[in-house]
Amino acid sequence: IQEHERDEVEGVEWLKGFIDEIQKIRGKIAKKYPEIKERFPANTPNRNSKVVSAVLLSHENKAIEQFHHFFKTKGIIKNGECVLIFDGLMVRDNKSNSEHLTKDFLFKASLHVQEHTGLLLKIRVKEFEEGYVLPADYESLPDNFFVIEAGHDQAAADILVKAAGDRLVKSGGRGFYNHK
């Protein structure tokens, strides 16, 4: 709710106090992380809110990196075979992983994250209800894949350009992929 809209909300007496407290918290977080606050010009609308978002995103990324490290060292992730998603990791659904991904294992992963980040997070297996059917000949299809380490955007771009071959068409200074 925008500050100018506060008076339009009827019957919620606690709202003004709540918003004031949230603003104080945002201000304290922005003050604690001046290096992040400096990323946003002083005239940025909702600057402190943007700082809080950036701080939370940074902490979330560090936590996911530690989950990745733990899973990798415990053999859940092999050959870079996982997908980083906005709130966690997707690993191969196979018998070995299913046997290892117990509540106790996930609790130990959470403790690992807490030890390295200070954040205690609850981790759980999230079942997916949707999927897709692999083609009958999927095992005979090419299985080349590439592992790109974080921060190596140029390497990823080079691989994609090379893999696209003559299907990548340039026109007017822009690149297009011809899927046919």
C-alpha atoms as a PDB file:
ATOM      1  CA  ILE A   1       0.000   0.000   0.000  1.00  0.00           C
ATOM      2  CA  GLN A   2       1.337   3.409  -0.951  1.00  0.00           C
ATOM      3  CA  GLU A   3       1.724   6.040   1.745  1.00  0.00           C
ATOM      4  CA  HIS A   4      -0.921   8.291   0.156  1.00  0.00           C
ATOM      5  CA  GLU A   5      -3.397   5.373   0.213  1.00  0.00           C
ATOM      6  CA  ARG A   6      -3.176   4.738   3.983  1.00  0.00           C
ATOM      7  CA  ASP A   7      -6.121   6.972   4.869  1.00  0.00           C
ATOM      8  CA  GLU A   8      -8.336   5.226   2.317  1.00  0.00           C
ATOM      9  CA  VAL A   9      -8.158   1.939   4.235  1.00  0.00           C
ATOM     10  CA  GLU A  10     -10.953   1.870   6.778  1.00  0.00           C
ATOM     11  CA  GLY A  11     -11.163  -0.261   9.892  1.00  0.00           C
ATOM     12  CA  VAL A  12      -7.486  -1.220   9.994  1.00  0.00           C
ATOM     13  CA  GLU A  13      -6.200   0.920  12.821  1.00  0.00           C
ATOM     14  CA  TRP A  14      -2.948  -0.977  13.158  1.00  0.00           C
ATOM     15  CA  LEU A  15      -1.936  -0.415   9.508  1.00  0.00           C
ATOM     16  CA  LYS A  16      -0.167   2.936   9.965  1.00  0.00           C
ATOM     17  CA  GLY A  17       1.929   1.595  12.854  1.00  0.00           C
ATOM     18  CA  PHE A  18       2.734  -1.553  10.894  1.00  0.00           C
ATOM     19  CA  ILE A  19       3.877   0.407   7.852  1.00  0.00           C
ATOM     20  CA  ASP A  20       5.989   2.695  10.057  1.00  0.00           C
ATOM     21  CA  GLU A  21       7.689  -0.345  11.626  1.00  0.00           C
ATOM     22  CA  ILE A  22       8.357  -1.889   8.206  1.00  0.00           C
ATOM     23  CA  GLN A  23       9.932   1.379   7.049  1.00  0.00           C
ATOM     24  CA  LYS A  24      12.154   1.437  10.164  1.00  0.00           C
ATOM     25  CA  ILE A  25      13.254  -2.134   9.483  1.00  0.00           C
ATOM     26  CA  ARG A  26      14.012  -1.321   5.838  1.00  0.00           C
ATOM     27  CA  GLY A  27      16.030   1.706   6.944  1.00  0.00           C
ATOM     28  CA  LYS A  28      18.055  -0.361   9.431  1.00  0.00           C
ATOM     29  CA  ILE A  29      18.800  -3.035   6.833  1.00  0.00           C
ATOM     30  CA  ALA A  30      19.818  -0.396   4.274  1.00  0.00           C
ATOM     31  CA  LYS A  31      22.121   1.178   6.874  1.00  0.00           C
ATOM     32  CA  LYS A  32      23.662  -2.219   7.681  1.00  0.00           C
ATOM     33  CA  TYR A  33      24.457  -2.864   3.994  1.00  0.00           C
ATOM     34  CA  PRO A  34      25.810   0.429   2.621  1.00  0.00           C
ATOM     35  CA  GLU A  35      27.639  -1.354  -0.220  1.00  0.00           C
ATOM     36  CA  ILE A  36      24.309  -2.613  -1.529  1.00  0.00           C
ATOM     37  CA  LYS A  37      22.537   0.698  -0.901  1.00  0.00           C
ATOM     38  CA  GLU A  38      25.190   2.456  -3.021  1.00  0.00           C
ATOM     39  CA  ARG A  39      24.075   0.402  -6.037  1.00  0.00           C
ATOM     40  CA  PHE A  40      20.851   2.404  -6.118  1.00  0.00           C
ATOM     41  CA  PRO A  41      20.973   6.176  -6.800  1.00  0.00           C
ATOM     42  CA  ALA A  42      19.731   8.351  -3.935  1.00  0.00           C
ATOM     43  CA  ASN A  43      16.641   9.369  -5.899  1.00  0.00           C
ATOM     44  CA  THR A  44      15.557   5.749  -6.545  1.00  0.00           C
ATOM     45  CA  PRO A  45      11.906   5.268  -5.588  1.00  0.00           C
ATOM     46  CA  ASN A  46      11.549   2.835  -2.677  1.00  0.00           C
ATOM     47  CA  ARG A  47      15.324   2.677  -2.402  1.00  0.00           C
ATOM     48  CA  ASN A  48      15.379   0.948   0.974  1.00  0.00           C
ATOM     49  CA  SER A  49      12.873  -1.649  -0.236  1.00  0.00           C
ATOM     50  CA  LYS A  50      15.132  -2.402  -3.184  1.00  0.00           C
ATOM     51  CA  VAL A  51      18.089  -2.756  -0.816  1.00  0.00           C
ATOM     52  CA  VAL A  52      16.133  -5.245   1.315  1.00  0.00           C
ATOM     53  CA  SER A  53      15.240  -7.250  -1.804  1.00  0.00           C
ATOM     54  CA  ALA A  54      18.886  -7.288  -2.924  1.00  0.00           C
ATOM     55  CA  VAL A  55      20.069  -8.378   0.544  1.00  0.00           C
ATOM     56  CA  LEU A  56      17.506 -11.183   0.693  1.00  0.00           C
ATOM     57  CA  LEU A  57      18.394 -12.324  -2.824  1.00  0.00           C
ATOM     58  CA  SER A  58      22.067 -12.383  -1.904  1.00  0.00           C
ATOM     59  CA  HIS A  59      21.374 -14.494   1.197  1.00  0.00           C
ATOM     60  CA  GLU A  60      19.136 -16.829  -0.787  1.00  0.00           C
ATOM     61  CA  ASN A  61      21.845 -17.309  -3.423  1.00  0.00           C
ATOM     62  CA  LYS A  62      24.456 -18.066  -0.759  1.00  0.00           C
ATOM     63  CA  ALA A  63      22.124 -20.618   0.829  1.00  0.00           C
ATOM     64  CA  ILE A  64      21.430 -22.326  -2.500  1.00  0.00           C
ATOM     65  CA  GLU A  65      25.172 -22.385  -3.254  1.00  0.00           C
ATOM     66  CA  GLN A  66      25.742 -24.172   0.050  1.00  0.00           C
ATOM     67  CA  PHE A  67      22.937 -26.650  -0.638  1.00  0.00           C
ATOM     68  CA  HIS A  68      24.577 -27.308  -4.011  1.00  0.00           C
ATOM     69  CA  HIS A  69      27.982 -27.814  -2.376  1.00  0.00           C
ATOM     70  CA  PHE A  70      26.556 -30.191   0.243  1.00  0.00           C
ATOM     71  CA  PHE A  71      24.623 -32.217  -2.338  1.00  0.00           C
ATOM     72  CA  LYS A  72      27.666 -32.367  -4.593  1.00  0.00           C
ATOM     73  CA  THR A  73      30.042 -33.534  -1.836  1.00  0.00           C
ATOM     74  CA  LYS A  74      27.516 -36.176  -0.739  1.00  0.00           C
ATOM     75  CA  GLY A  75      27.165 -37.562  -4.278  1.00  0.00           C
ATOM     76  CA  ILE A  76      23.599 -36.419  -4.916  1.00  0.00           C
ATOM     77  CA  ILE A  77      24.780 -34.107  -7.682  1.00  0.00           C
ATOM     78  CA  LYS A  78      27.186 -35.771 -10.107  1.00  0.00           C
ATOM     79  CA  ASN A  79      28.707 -34.224 -13.236  1.00  0.00           C
ATOM     80  CA  GLY A  80      26.863 -30.977 -12.620  1.00  0.00           C
ATOM     81  CA  GLU A  81      23.538 -32.730 -13.183  1.00  0.00           C
ATOM     82  CA  CYS A  82      21.151 -30.456 -11.361  1.00  0.00           C
ATOM     83  CA  VAL A  83      19.052 -27.421 -12.085  1.00  0.00           C
ATOM     84  CA  LEU A  84      19.256 -24.323  -9.938  1.00  0.00           C
ATOM     85  CA  ILE A  85      15.797 -22.871  -9.540  1.00  0.00           C
ATOM     86  CA  PHE A  86      14.638 -19.720  -7.821  1.00  0.00           C
ATOM     87  CA  ASP A  87      14.060 -21.384  -4.456  1.00  0.00           C
ATOM     88  CA  GLY A  88      16.195 -24.495  -4.551  1.00  0.00           C
ATOM     89  CA  LEU A  89      17.713 -27.281  -6.599  1.00  0.00           C
ATOM     90  CA  MET A  90      16.310 -29.968  -8.813  1.00  0.00           C
ATOM     91  CA  VAL A  91      18.334 -33.171  -8.834  1.00  0.00           C
ATOM     92  CA  ARG A  92      17.962 -36.353 -10.810  1.00  0.00           C
ATOM     93  CA  ASP A  93      15.059 -38.508  -9.738  1.00  0.00           C
ATOM     94  CA  ASN A  94      16.738 -41.860  -9.460  1.00  0.00           C
ATOM     95  CA  LYS A  95      16.789 -44.726  -6.977  1.00  0.00           C
ATOM     96  CA  SER A  96      20.040 -43.663  -5.321  1.00  0.00           C
ATOM     97  CA  ASN A  97      18.910 -40.082  -4.761  1.00  0.00           C
ATOM     98  CA  SER A  98      15.502 -41.219  -3.530  1.00  0.00           C
ATOM     99  CA  GLU A  99      17.190 -43.451  -0.958  1.00  0.00           C
ATOM    100  CA  HIS A 100      19.531 -40.691   0.237  1.00  0.00           C
ATOM    101  CA  LEU A 101      17.144 -37.732   0.333  1.00  0.00           C
ATOM    102  CA  THR A 102      15.703 -38.578   3.742  1.00  0.00           C
ATOM    103  CA  LYS A 103      14.466 -36.111   6.370  1.00  0.00           C
ATOM    104  CA  ASP A 104      17.694 -36.703   8.309  1.00  0.00           C
ATOM    105  CA  PHE A 105      19.852 -36.007   5.242  1.00  0.00           C
ATOM    106  CA  LEU A 106      17.900 -32.827   4.448  1.00  0.00           C
ATOM    107  CA  PHE A 107      18.222 -31.696   8.084  1.00  0.00           C
ATOM    108  CA  LYS A 108      22.005 -32.188   7.838  1.00  0.00           C
ATOM    109  CA  ALA A 109      21.977 -30.149   4.620  1.00  0.00           C
ATOM    110  CA  SER A 110      20.141 -27.375   6.473  1.00  0.00           C
ATOM    111  CA  LEU A 111      22.712 -27.467   9.270  1.00  0.00           C
ATOM    112  CA  HIS A 112      25.489 -27.215   6.660  1.00  0.00           C
ATOM    113  CA  VAL A 113      23.836 -24.115   5.215  1.00  0.00           C
ATOM    114  CA  GLN A 114      23.453 -22.618   8.690  1.00  0.00           C
ATOM    115  CA  GLU A 115      27.108 -23.290   9.496  1.00  0.00           C
ATOM    116  CA  HIS A 116      28.279 -21.506   6.340  1.00  0.00           C
ATOM    117  CA  THR A 117      25.712 -18.721   6.037  1.00  0.00           C
ATOM    118  CA  GLY A 118      24.123 -18.226   9.440  1.00  0.00           C
ATOM    119  CA  LEU A 119      20.731 -19.048   7.936  1.00  0.00           C
ATOM    120  CA  LEU A 120      18.708 -21.987   9.229  1.00  0.00           C
ATOM    121  CA  LEU A 121      16.379 -23.060   6.458  1.00  0.00           C
ATOM    122  CA  LYS A 122      13.969 -25.925   6.283  1.00  0.00           C
ATOM    123  CA  ILE A 123      14.582 -28.007   3.196  1.00  0.00           C
ATOM    124  CA  ARG A 124      12.173 -30.540   1.819  1.00  0.00           C
ATOM    125  CA  VAL A 125      11.621 -32.615  -1.262  1.00  0.00           C
ATOM    126  CA  LYS A 126       9.020 -30.960  -3.424  1.00  0.00           C
ATOM    127  CA  GLU A 127       7.186 -33.437  -5.568  1.00  0.00           C
ATOM    128  CA  PHE A 128       6.284 -32.374  -9.067  1.00  0.00           C
ATOM    129  CA  GLU A 129       2.953 -33.443 -10.411  1.00  0.00           C
ATOM    130  CA  GLU A 130       3.691 -32.555 -13.988  1.00  0.00           C
ATOM    131  CA  GLY A 131       6.411 -33.894 -16.160  1.00  0.00           C
ATOM    132  CA  TYR A 132       6.928 -34.941 -19.707  1.00  0.00           C
ATOM    133  CA  VAL A 133       7.276 -38.220 -21.482  1.00  0.00           C
ATOM    134  CA  LEU A 134      10.676 -38.949 -22.954  1.00  0.00           C
ATOM    135  CA  PRO A 135      10.761 -40.141 -26.554  1.00  0.00           C
ATOM    136  CA  ALA A 136      11.017 -43.911 -26.963  1.00  0.00           C
ATOM    137  CA  ASP A 137      14.541 -43.564 -28.393  1.00  0.00           C
ATOM    138  CA  TYR A 138      15.803 -41.038 -25.824  1.00  0.00           C
ATOM    139  CA  GLU A 139      18.719 -43.273 -24.842  1.00  0.00           C
ATOM    140  CA  SER A 140      20.081 -43.199 -28.395  1.00  0.00           C
ATOM    141  CA  LEU A 141      19.785 -39.418 -28.713  1.00  0.00           C
ATOM    142  CA  PRO A 142      22.909 -37.279 -28.265  1.00  0.00           C
ATOM    143  CA  ASP A 143      23.786 -36.901 -24.634  1.00  0.00           C
ATOM    144  CA  ASN A 144      26.268 -34.076 -24.876  1.00  0.00           C
ATOM    145  CA  PHE A 145      25.780 -31.453 -22.241  1.00  0.00           C
ATOM    146  CA  PHE A 146      27.819 -28.626 -20.853  1.00  0.00           C
ATOM    147  CA  VAL A 147      28.506 -27.513 -17.311  1.00  0.00           C
ATOM    148  CA  ILE A 148      28.910 -23.772 -16.990  1.00  0.00           C
ATOM    149  CA  GLU A 149      30.263 -22.481 -13.720  1.00  0.00           C
ATOM    150  CA  ALA A 150      28.658 -19.422 -12.161  1.00  0.00           C
ATOM    151  CA  GLY A 151      30.072 -16.196 -13.550  1.00  0.00           C
ATOM    152  CA  HIS A 152      31.185 -17.698 -16.862  1.00  0.00           C
ATOM    153  CA  ASP A 153      28.507 -16.084 -19.003  1.00  0.00           C
ATOM    154  CA  GLN A 154      30.819 -15.687 -21.989  1.00  0.00           C
ATOM    155  CA  ALA A 155      31.626 -19.403 -21.969  1.00  0.00           C
ATOM    156  CA  ALA A 156      27.898 -20.160 -21.971  1.00  0.00           C
ATOM    157  CA  ALA A 157      27.309 -17.754 -24.849  1.00  0.00           C
ATOM    158  CA  ASP A 158      30.178 -19.289 -26.841  1.00  0.00           C
ATOM    159  CA  ILE A 159      28.743 -22.797 -26.372  1.00  0.00           C
ATOM    160  CA  LEU A 160      25.267 -21.687 -27.445  1.00  0.00           C
ATOM    161  CA  VAL A 161      26.570 -19.893 -30.529  1.00  0.00           C
ATOM    162  CA  LYS A 162      28.671 -22.896 -31.506  1.00  0.00           C
ATOM    163  CA  ALA A 163      25.799 -25.340 -30.916  1.00  0.00           C
ATOM    164  CA  ALA A 164      23.404 -23.205 -32.961  1.00  0.00           C
ATOM    165  CA  GLY A 165      25.733 -23.314 -35.954  1.00  0.00           C
ATOM    166  CA  ASP A 166      24.152 -22.005 -39.133  1.00  0.00           C
ATOM    167  CA  ARG A 167      20.750 -21.853 -37.436  1.00  0.00           C
ATOM    168  CA  LEU A 168      21.884 -18.616 -35.796  1.00  0.00           C
ATOM    169  CA  VAL A 169      21.063 -15.801 -38.185  1.00  0.00           C
ATOM    170  CA  LYS A 170      22.144 -12.174 -37.806  1.00  0.00           C
ATOM    171  CA  SER A 171      19.998  -9.388 -39.136  1.00  0.00           C
ATOM    172  CA  GLY A 172      20.100  -5.702 -38.301  1.00  0.00           C
ATOM    173  CA  GLY A 173      22.673  -6.218 -35.564  1.00  0.00           C
ATOM    174  CA  ARG A 174      20.457  -8.759 -33.773  1.00  0.00           C
ATOM    175  CA  GLY A 175      20.729 -12.526 -33.544  1.00  0.00           C
ATOM    176  CA  PHE A 176      17.866 -14.864 -34.324  1.00  0.00           C
ATOM    177  CA  TYR A 177      17.584 -18.624 -34.018  1.00  0.00           C
ATOM    178  CA  ASN A 178      16.040 -20.457 -36.951  1.00  0.00           C
ATOM    179  CA  HIS A 179      14.577 -23.586 -35.376  1.00  0.00           C
ATOM    180  CA  LYS A 180      13.828 -25.286 -38.729  1.00  0.00           C
END
